């Protein structure tokens, strides 16, 4: 998940109120340190959902299929990144091209919105289908 706060200047606000302790570096390091463990913890609801909905004699198969879907989601994420970069133009400065970050804020907000909406909509849709509970 991108750190929107740094783009919109939250680090300047926190730095001014903490005497420079909570600056951009502090926020970036804290974000990196917290993101990985929280990503693992975020898997717990999905694992609980699988355990609840899988038929008793197919739990291992369900976990394997869901692991495959996780890999599929990672591939879709890479493909989504490609298309998001086509919709929102963000370029670094090179010898021949000037830097252009004008669409970066909109890109970050769109990525966060999709990152929140996609899983919630998926669960909502599945819970309204016959696949809700197979056991």
N, C-alpha and C. Protein backbone atom coordinates (compact mmCIF):
# COMPACT_ATOMS: atom_id res chain seq x y z
N UNK A 1 0.86 -1.17 0.00
CA UNK A 1 0.00 0.00 0.00
C UNK A 1 0.90 1.24 0.00
N UNK A 2 0.64 2.16 -0.89
CA UNK A 2 1.48 3.35 -0.94
C UNK A 2 1.26 4.25 0.27
N UNK A 3 2.29 5.00 0.62
CA UNK A 3 2.18 5.91 1.75
C UNK A 3 1.71 7.28 1.26
N UNK A 4 0.40 7.45 1.25
CA UNK A 4 -0.21 8.69 0.77
C UNK A 4 0.17 9.86 1.67
N UNK A 5 0.33 9.58 2.96
CA UNK A 5 0.64 10.64 3.91
C UNK A 5 1.88 11.41 3.54
N UNK A 6 2.92 10.72 3.07
CA UNK A 6 4.15 11.41 2.69
C UNK A 6 3.91 12.28 1.46
N UNK A 7 3.12 11.82 0.53
CA UNK A 7 2.84 12.61 -0.67
C UNK A 7 2.10 13.90 -0.31
N UNK A 8 1.14 13.78 0.60
CA UNK A 8 0.33 14.95 0.96
C UNK A 8 0.90 15.75 2.13
N UNK A 9 2.10 15.43 2.59
CA UNK A 9 2.79 16.26 3.55
C UNK A 9 2.50 16.00 5.02
N UNK A 10 1.99 14.84 5.36
CA UNK A 10 1.73 14.53 6.76
C UNK A 10 3.03 14.58 7.57
N UNK A 11 4.14 14.20 6.95
CA UNK A 11 5.43 14.21 7.64
C UNK A 11 5.83 15.63 8.06
N UNK A 12 5.44 16.62 7.29
CA UNK A 12 5.75 18.00 7.67
C UNK A 12 4.96 18.39 8.91
N UNK A 13 3.69 17.98 8.96
CA UNK A 13 2.83 18.27 10.11
C UNK A 13 3.35 17.55 11.36
N UNK A 14 3.67 16.26 11.23
CA UNK A 14 4.14 15.50 12.40
C UNK A 14 5.52 15.97 12.84
N UNK A 15 6.37 16.32 11.89
CA UNK A 15 7.71 16.80 12.23
C UNK A 15 7.64 18.10 13.02
N UNK A 16 6.75 19.00 12.61
CA UNK A 16 6.61 20.28 13.31
C UNK A 16 6.09 20.09 14.73
N UNK A 17 5.26 19.09 14.96
CA UNK A 17 4.67 18.87 16.28
C UNK A 17 5.49 17.97 17.19
N UNK A 18 6.48 17.28 16.64
CA UNK A 18 7.30 16.38 17.46
C UNK A 18 8.76 16.81 17.51
N UNK A 19 9.04 18.03 17.14
CA UNK A 19 10.42 18.52 17.16
C UNK A 19 11.32 17.82 16.17
N UNK A 20 10.76 17.35 15.07
CA UNK A 20 11.55 16.70 14.03
C UNK A 20 11.76 15.21 14.23
N UNK A 21 11.20 14.64 15.31
CA UNK A 21 11.38 13.21 15.56
C UNK A 21 10.60 12.38 14.55
N UNK A 22 9.34 12.69 14.36
CA UNK A 22 8.50 11.93 13.42
C UNK A 22 8.52 12.65 12.07
N UNK A 23 9.61 12.43 11.34
CA UNK A 23 9.77 13.06 10.03
C UNK A 23 9.51 12.02 8.93
N UNK A 24 9.84 12.35 7.70
CA UNK A 24 9.56 11.46 6.57
C UNK A 24 10.29 10.13 6.71
N UNK A 25 11.56 10.17 7.14
CA UNK A 25 12.33 8.94 7.32
C UNK A 25 11.70 8.04 8.38
N UNK A 26 11.31 8.64 9.49
CA UNK A 26 10.69 7.89 10.59
C UNK A 26 9.41 7.20 10.10
N UNK A 27 8.57 7.94 9.38
CA UNK A 27 7.31 7.38 8.89
C UNK A 27 7.58 6.27 7.88
N UNK A 28 8.54 6.46 6.99
CA UNK A 28 8.85 5.44 5.98
C UNK A 28 9.37 4.16 6.63
N UNK A 29 10.25 4.29 7.62
CA UNK A 29 10.78 3.11 8.30
C UNK A 29 9.69 2.40 9.09
N UNK A 30 8.87 3.16 9.80
CA UNK A 30 7.76 2.59 10.56
C UNK A 30 6.77 1.89 9.63
N UNK A 31 6.46 2.51 8.51
CA UNK A 31 5.54 1.92 7.53
C UNK A 31 6.09 0.59 7.01
N UNK A 32 7.36 0.56 6.69
CA UNK A 32 7.98 -0.66 6.18
C UNK A 32 8.01 -1.75 7.26
N UNK A 33 8.31 -1.36 8.49
CA UNK A 33 8.39 -2.34 9.58
C UNK A 33 7.03 -2.93 9.94
N UNK A 34 5.98 -2.16 9.79
CA UNK A 34 4.63 -2.61 10.18
C UNK A 34 3.92 -3.31 9.04
N UNK A 35 4.20 -2.93 7.80
CA UNK A 35 3.44 -3.44 6.65
C UNK A 35 3.54 -4.95 6.50
N UNK A 36 4.71 -5.54 6.64
CA UNK A 36 4.86 -6.97 6.43
C UNK A 36 4.11 -7.81 7.46
N UNK A 37 4.29 -7.56 8.77
CA UNK A 37 3.53 -8.35 9.74
C UNK A 37 2.02 -8.16 9.61
N UNK A 38 1.58 -6.93 9.34
CA UNK A 38 0.14 -6.71 9.19
C UNK A 38 -0.40 -7.39 7.94
N UNK A 39 0.43 -7.50 6.92
CA UNK A 39 0.01 -8.23 5.72
C UNK A 39 -0.24 -9.69 6.03
N UNK A 40 0.57 -10.25 6.91
CA UNK A 40 0.37 -11.64 7.32
C UNK A 40 -0.87 -11.79 8.19
N UNK A 41 -1.06 -10.86 9.11
CA UNK A 41 -2.24 -10.89 9.99
C UNK A 41 -3.52 -10.71 9.17
N UNK A 42 -3.44 -9.96 8.10
CA UNK A 42 -4.61 -9.73 7.25
C UNK A 42 -5.10 -11.01 6.59
N UNK A 43 -4.25 -12.03 6.53
CA UNK A 43 -4.65 -13.31 5.94
C UNK A 43 -5.56 -14.11 6.88
N UNK A 44 -5.55 -13.80 8.16
CA UNK A 44 -6.32 -14.58 9.14
C UNK A 44 -7.81 -14.60 8.83
N UNK A 45 -8.46 -13.47 8.53
CA UNK A 45 -9.89 -13.56 8.19
C UNK A 45 -10.17 -14.47 6.99
N UNK A 46 -9.30 -14.43 5.98
CA UNK A 46 -9.51 -15.29 4.82
C UNK A 46 -9.36 -16.76 5.22
N UNK A 47 -8.37 -17.08 6.03
CA UNK A 47 -8.17 -18.46 6.47
C UNK A 47 -9.35 -18.93 7.32
N UNK A 48 -9.86 -18.06 8.16
CA UNK A 48 -11.04 -18.42 8.97
C UNK A 48 -12.25 -18.63 8.08
N UNK A 49 -12.40 -17.80 7.06
CA UNK A 49 -13.53 -17.95 6.14
C UNK A 49 -13.44 -19.29 5.41
N UNK A 50 -12.23 -19.66 4.96
CA UNK A 50 -12.03 -20.94 4.28
C UNK A 50 -12.38 -22.08 5.22
N UNK A 51 -11.88 -22.01 6.44
CA UNK A 51 -12.13 -23.08 7.41
C UNK A 51 -13.62 -23.22 7.70
N UNK A 52 -14.33 -22.12 7.76
CA UNK A 52 -15.76 -22.16 8.07
C UNK A 52 -16.58 -22.70 6.89
N UNK A 53 -16.21 -22.33 5.69
CA UNK A 53 -17.02 -22.66 4.52
C UNK A 53 -16.62 -23.94 3.81
N UNK A 54 -15.45 -24.45 4.06
CA UNK A 54 -15.00 -25.66 3.36
C UNK A 54 -15.68 -26.89 3.94
N UNK A 55 -16.09 -27.82 3.07
CA UNK A 55 -16.64 -29.09 3.57
C UNK A 55 -15.57 -29.81 4.38
N UNK A 56 -16.00 -30.53 5.38
CA UNK A 56 -15.07 -31.19 6.32
C UNK A 56 -14.03 -32.06 5.61
N UNK A 57 -14.44 -32.77 4.58
CA UNK A 57 -13.51 -33.69 3.91
C UNK A 57 -12.68 -33.02 2.81
N UNK A 58 -12.87 -31.70 2.59
CA UNK A 58 -12.14 -31.00 1.53
C UNK A 58 -11.37 -29.78 2.02
N UNK A 59 -11.13 -29.67 3.30
CA UNK A 59 -10.47 -28.47 3.84
C UNK A 59 -9.09 -28.26 3.23
N UNK A 60 -8.29 -29.32 3.12
CA UNK A 60 -6.95 -29.18 2.56
C UNK A 60 -7.01 -28.72 1.11
N UNK A 61 -7.96 -29.27 0.36
CA UNK A 61 -8.12 -28.88 -1.04
C UNK A 61 -8.51 -27.41 -1.14
N UNK A 62 -9.42 -26.98 -0.27
CA UNK A 62 -9.84 -25.58 -0.27
C UNK A 62 -8.66 -24.66 0.02
N UNK A 63 -7.83 -25.02 1.00
CA UNK A 63 -6.68 -24.18 1.32
C UNK A 63 -5.72 -24.12 0.13
N UNK A 64 -5.52 -25.23 -0.57
CA UNK A 64 -4.64 -25.24 -1.74
C UNK A 64 -5.21 -24.36 -2.86
N UNK A 65 -6.51 -24.47 -3.08
CA UNK A 65 -7.14 -23.65 -4.12
C UNK A 65 -7.04 -22.17 -3.76
N UNK A 66 -7.27 -21.84 -2.51
CA UNK A 66 -7.19 -20.44 -2.09
C UNK A 66 -5.76 -19.92 -2.20
N UNK A 67 -4.77 -20.77 -1.95
CA UNK A 67 -3.38 -20.35 -2.14
C UNK A 67 -3.14 -20.05 -3.62
N UNK A 68 -3.73 -20.85 -4.50
CA UNK A 68 -3.61 -20.59 -5.95
C UNK A 68 -4.28 -19.27 -6.31
N UNK A 69 -5.44 -19.00 -5.69
CA UNK A 69 -6.11 -17.74 -5.95
C UNK A 69 -5.28 -16.56 -5.45
N UNK A 70 -4.55 -16.76 -4.36
CA UNK A 70 -3.66 -15.71 -3.86
C UNK A 70 -2.58 -15.41 -4.90
N UNK A 71 -2.01 -16.46 -5.49
CA UNK A 71 -1.01 -16.25 -6.55
C UNK A 71 -1.64 -15.57 -7.76
N UNK A 72 -2.86 -15.94 -8.08
CA UNK A 72 -3.57 -15.29 -9.18
C UNK A 72 -3.79 -13.80 -8.88
N UNK A 73 -4.12 -13.51 -7.64
CA UNK A 73 -4.31 -12.11 -7.24
C UNK A 73 -3.01 -11.32 -7.36
N UNK A 74 -1.89 -11.93 -7.03
CA UNK A 74 -0.60 -11.24 -7.19
C UNK A 74 -0.31 -10.95 -8.66
N UNK A 75 -0.63 -11.91 -9.53
CA UNK A 75 -0.44 -11.68 -10.96
C UNK A 75 -1.37 -10.58 -11.45
N UNK A 76 -2.61 -10.60 -11.00
CA UNK A 76 -3.56 -9.56 -11.39
C UNK A 76 -3.10 -8.20 -10.89
N UNK A 77 -2.48 -8.18 -9.71
CA UNK A 77 -1.96 -6.93 -9.17
C UNK A 77 -0.88 -6.36 -10.08
N UNK A 78 0.01 -7.21 -10.55
CA UNK A 78 1.06 -6.75 -11.47
C UNK A 78 0.46 -6.22 -12.77
N UNK A 79 -0.54 -6.92 -13.28
CA UNK A 79 -1.21 -6.47 -14.50
C UNK A 79 -1.95 -5.15 -14.24
N UNK A 80 -2.59 -5.05 -13.08
CA UNK A 80 -3.28 -3.81 -12.71
C UNK A 80 -2.33 -2.64 -12.62
N UNK A 81 -1.14 -2.89 -12.09
CA UNK A 81 -0.11 -1.85 -12.01
C UNK A 81 0.24 -1.33 -13.39
N UNK A 82 0.36 -2.25 -14.33
CA UNK A 82 0.69 -1.86 -15.71
C UNK A 82 -0.39 -0.92 -16.26
N UNK A 83 -1.66 -1.29 -16.06
CA UNK A 83 -2.74 -0.47 -16.61
C UNK A 83 -2.92 0.84 -15.85
N UNK A 84 -2.69 0.83 -14.54
CA UNK A 84 -2.78 2.07 -13.77
C UNK A 84 -1.71 3.06 -14.25
N UNK A 85 -0.55 2.54 -14.60
CA UNK A 85 0.52 3.41 -15.10
C UNK A 85 0.22 3.95 -16.49
N UNK A 86 -0.66 3.29 -17.22
CA UNK A 86 -1.09 3.83 -18.50
C UNK A 86 -2.14 4.92 -18.32
N UNK A 87 -3.01 4.76 -17.32
CA UNK A 87 -4.07 5.74 -17.07
C UNK A 87 -3.49 6.99 -16.42
N UNK A 88 -2.62 6.82 -15.43
CA UNK A 88 -2.01 7.94 -14.72
C UNK A 88 -0.55 8.03 -15.13
N UNK A 89 -0.19 9.13 -15.74
CA UNK A 89 1.17 9.31 -16.22
C UNK A 89 2.03 9.92 -15.12
N UNK A 90 3.01 9.16 -14.69
CA UNK A 90 3.99 9.63 -13.71
C UNK A 90 5.36 9.27 -14.27
N UNK A 91 6.20 10.29 -14.49
CA UNK A 91 7.51 10.03 -15.08
C UNK A 91 8.62 10.60 -14.21
N UNK A 92 9.74 9.89 -14.20
CA UNK A 92 10.94 10.37 -13.53
C UNK A 92 11.74 11.22 -14.52
N UNK A 93 12.59 12.03 -13.95
CA UNK A 93 13.43 12.86 -14.80
C UNK A 93 14.56 12.02 -15.39
N UNK A 94 14.74 12.14 -16.67
CA UNK A 94 15.87 11.52 -17.35
C UNK A 94 16.57 12.60 -18.16
N UNK A 95 17.54 12.19 -18.93
CA UNK A 95 18.25 13.17 -19.76
C UNK A 95 17.35 13.77 -20.82
N UNK A 96 16.35 13.03 -21.27
CA UNK A 96 15.50 13.50 -22.36
C UNK A 96 14.07 13.86 -21.93
N UNK A 97 13.66 13.45 -20.71
CA UNK A 97 12.28 13.66 -20.26
C UNK A 97 12.29 14.37 -18.91
N UNK A 98 11.45 15.39 -18.79
CA UNK A 98 11.32 16.09 -17.51
C UNK A 98 10.42 15.29 -16.57
N UNK A 99 10.64 15.40 -15.29
CA UNK A 99 9.81 14.70 -14.31
C UNK A 99 8.39 15.28 -14.31
N UNK A 100 7.40 14.39 -14.19
CA UNK A 100 6.01 14.82 -14.14
C UNK A 100 5.28 13.99 -13.09
N UNK A 101 5.04 14.59 -11.93
CA UNK A 101 4.36 13.91 -10.83
C UNK A 101 2.96 14.48 -10.60
N UNK A 102 2.40 15.18 -11.57
CA UNK A 102 1.11 15.84 -11.36
C UNK A 102 -0.02 14.85 -11.10
N UNK A 103 0.04 13.66 -11.64
CA UNK A 103 -1.04 12.68 -11.46
C UNK A 103 -0.75 11.68 -10.35
N UNK A 104 0.35 11.86 -9.62
CA UNK A 104 0.72 10.90 -8.58
C UNK A 104 -0.30 10.85 -7.45
N UNK A 105 -0.81 11.98 -7.02
CA UNK A 105 -1.81 12.00 -5.94
C UNK A 105 -3.06 11.24 -6.31
N UNK A 106 -3.56 11.46 -7.52
CA UNK A 106 -4.75 10.74 -7.99
C UNK A 106 -4.47 9.25 -8.11
N UNK A 107 -3.28 8.90 -8.57
CA UNK A 107 -2.89 7.49 -8.66
C UNK A 107 -2.88 6.83 -7.29
N UNK A 108 -2.28 7.49 -6.30
CA UNK A 108 -2.23 6.93 -4.95
C UNK A 108 -3.62 6.75 -4.36
N UNK A 109 -4.48 7.75 -4.52
CA UNK A 109 -5.84 7.64 -4.00
C UNK A 109 -6.62 6.52 -4.70
N UNK A 110 -6.44 6.38 -5.99
CA UNK A 110 -7.12 5.32 -6.74
C UNK A 110 -6.65 3.95 -6.29
N UNK A 111 -5.36 3.78 -6.09
CA UNK A 111 -4.81 2.49 -5.65
C UNK A 111 -5.35 2.13 -4.26
N UNK A 112 -5.39 3.08 -3.36
CA UNK A 112 -5.91 2.81 -2.02
C UNK A 112 -7.40 2.47 -2.09
N UNK A 113 -8.16 3.20 -2.90
CA UNK A 113 -9.60 2.93 -3.03
C UNK A 113 -9.84 1.53 -3.58
N UNK A 114 -9.10 1.15 -4.60
CA UNK A 114 -9.24 -0.20 -5.18
C UNK A 114 -8.81 -1.25 -4.16
N UNK A 115 -7.73 -0.97 -3.44
CA UNK A 115 -7.23 -1.91 -2.44
C UNK A 115 -8.22 -2.15 -1.30
N UNK A 116 -9.03 -1.17 -1.01
CA UNK A 116 -10.07 -1.34 0.02
C UNK A 116 -11.35 -1.93 -0.57
N UNK A 117 -11.75 -1.47 -1.74
CA UNK A 117 -13.04 -1.87 -2.31
C UNK A 117 -13.03 -3.29 -2.88
N UNK A 118 -11.97 -3.69 -3.55
CA UNK A 118 -11.94 -5.00 -4.22
C UNK A 118 -12.18 -6.17 -3.26
N UNK A 119 -11.45 -6.25 -2.14
CA UNK A 119 -11.71 -7.38 -1.23
C UNK A 119 -13.10 -7.33 -0.61
N UNK A 120 -13.56 -6.14 -0.24
CA UNK A 120 -14.88 -6.02 0.38
C UNK A 120 -15.98 -6.42 -0.61
N UNK A 121 -15.86 -5.98 -1.85
CA UNK A 121 -16.85 -6.36 -2.86
C UNK A 121 -16.80 -7.85 -3.16
N UNK A 122 -15.61 -8.43 -3.17
CA UNK A 122 -15.48 -9.87 -3.41
C UNK A 122 -16.20 -10.67 -2.34
N UNK A 123 -15.98 -10.32 -1.09
CA UNK A 123 -16.64 -11.02 0.01
C UNK A 123 -18.15 -10.83 -0.07
N UNK A 124 -18.58 -9.61 -0.33
CA UNK A 124 -20.01 -9.33 -0.44
C UNK A 124 -20.66 -10.15 -1.56
N UNK A 125 -20.00 -10.21 -2.71
CA UNK A 125 -20.54 -10.98 -3.83
C UNK A 125 -20.58 -12.48 -3.52
N UNK A 126 -19.51 -13.00 -2.95
CA UNK A 126 -19.47 -14.43 -2.63
C UNK A 126 -20.53 -14.78 -1.59
N UNK A 127 -20.74 -13.92 -0.61
CA UNK A 127 -21.72 -14.20 0.44
C UNK A 127 -23.15 -14.17 -0.10
N UNK A 128 -23.36 -13.60 -1.28
CA UNK A 128 -24.70 -13.53 -1.86
C UNK A 128 -24.91 -14.59 -2.96
N UNK A 129 -23.98 -15.53 -3.07
CA UNK A 129 -24.10 -16.59 -4.09
C UNK A 129 -24.22 -17.94 -3.40
N UNK A 130 -24.51 -18.97 -4.17
CA UNK A 130 -24.55 -20.33 -3.59
C UNK A 130 -23.19 -20.79 -3.06
N UNK A 131 -22.10 -20.12 -3.43
CA UNK A 131 -20.77 -20.50 -2.96
C UNK A 131 -20.51 -20.05 -1.52
N UNK A 132 -21.47 -19.36 -0.94
CA UNK A 132 -21.34 -18.81 0.41
C UNK A 132 -20.91 -19.89 1.40
N UNK A 133 -21.56 -21.00 1.37
CA UNK A 133 -21.22 -22.08 2.29
C UNK A 133 -21.48 -23.41 1.61
N UNK A 134 -20.41 -24.13 1.39
CA UNK A 134 -20.54 -25.41 0.71
C UNK A 134 -20.62 -26.57 1.70
N UNK A 135 -20.40 -26.31 2.95
CA UNK A 135 -20.36 -27.38 3.93
C UNK A 135 -21.65 -27.63 4.62
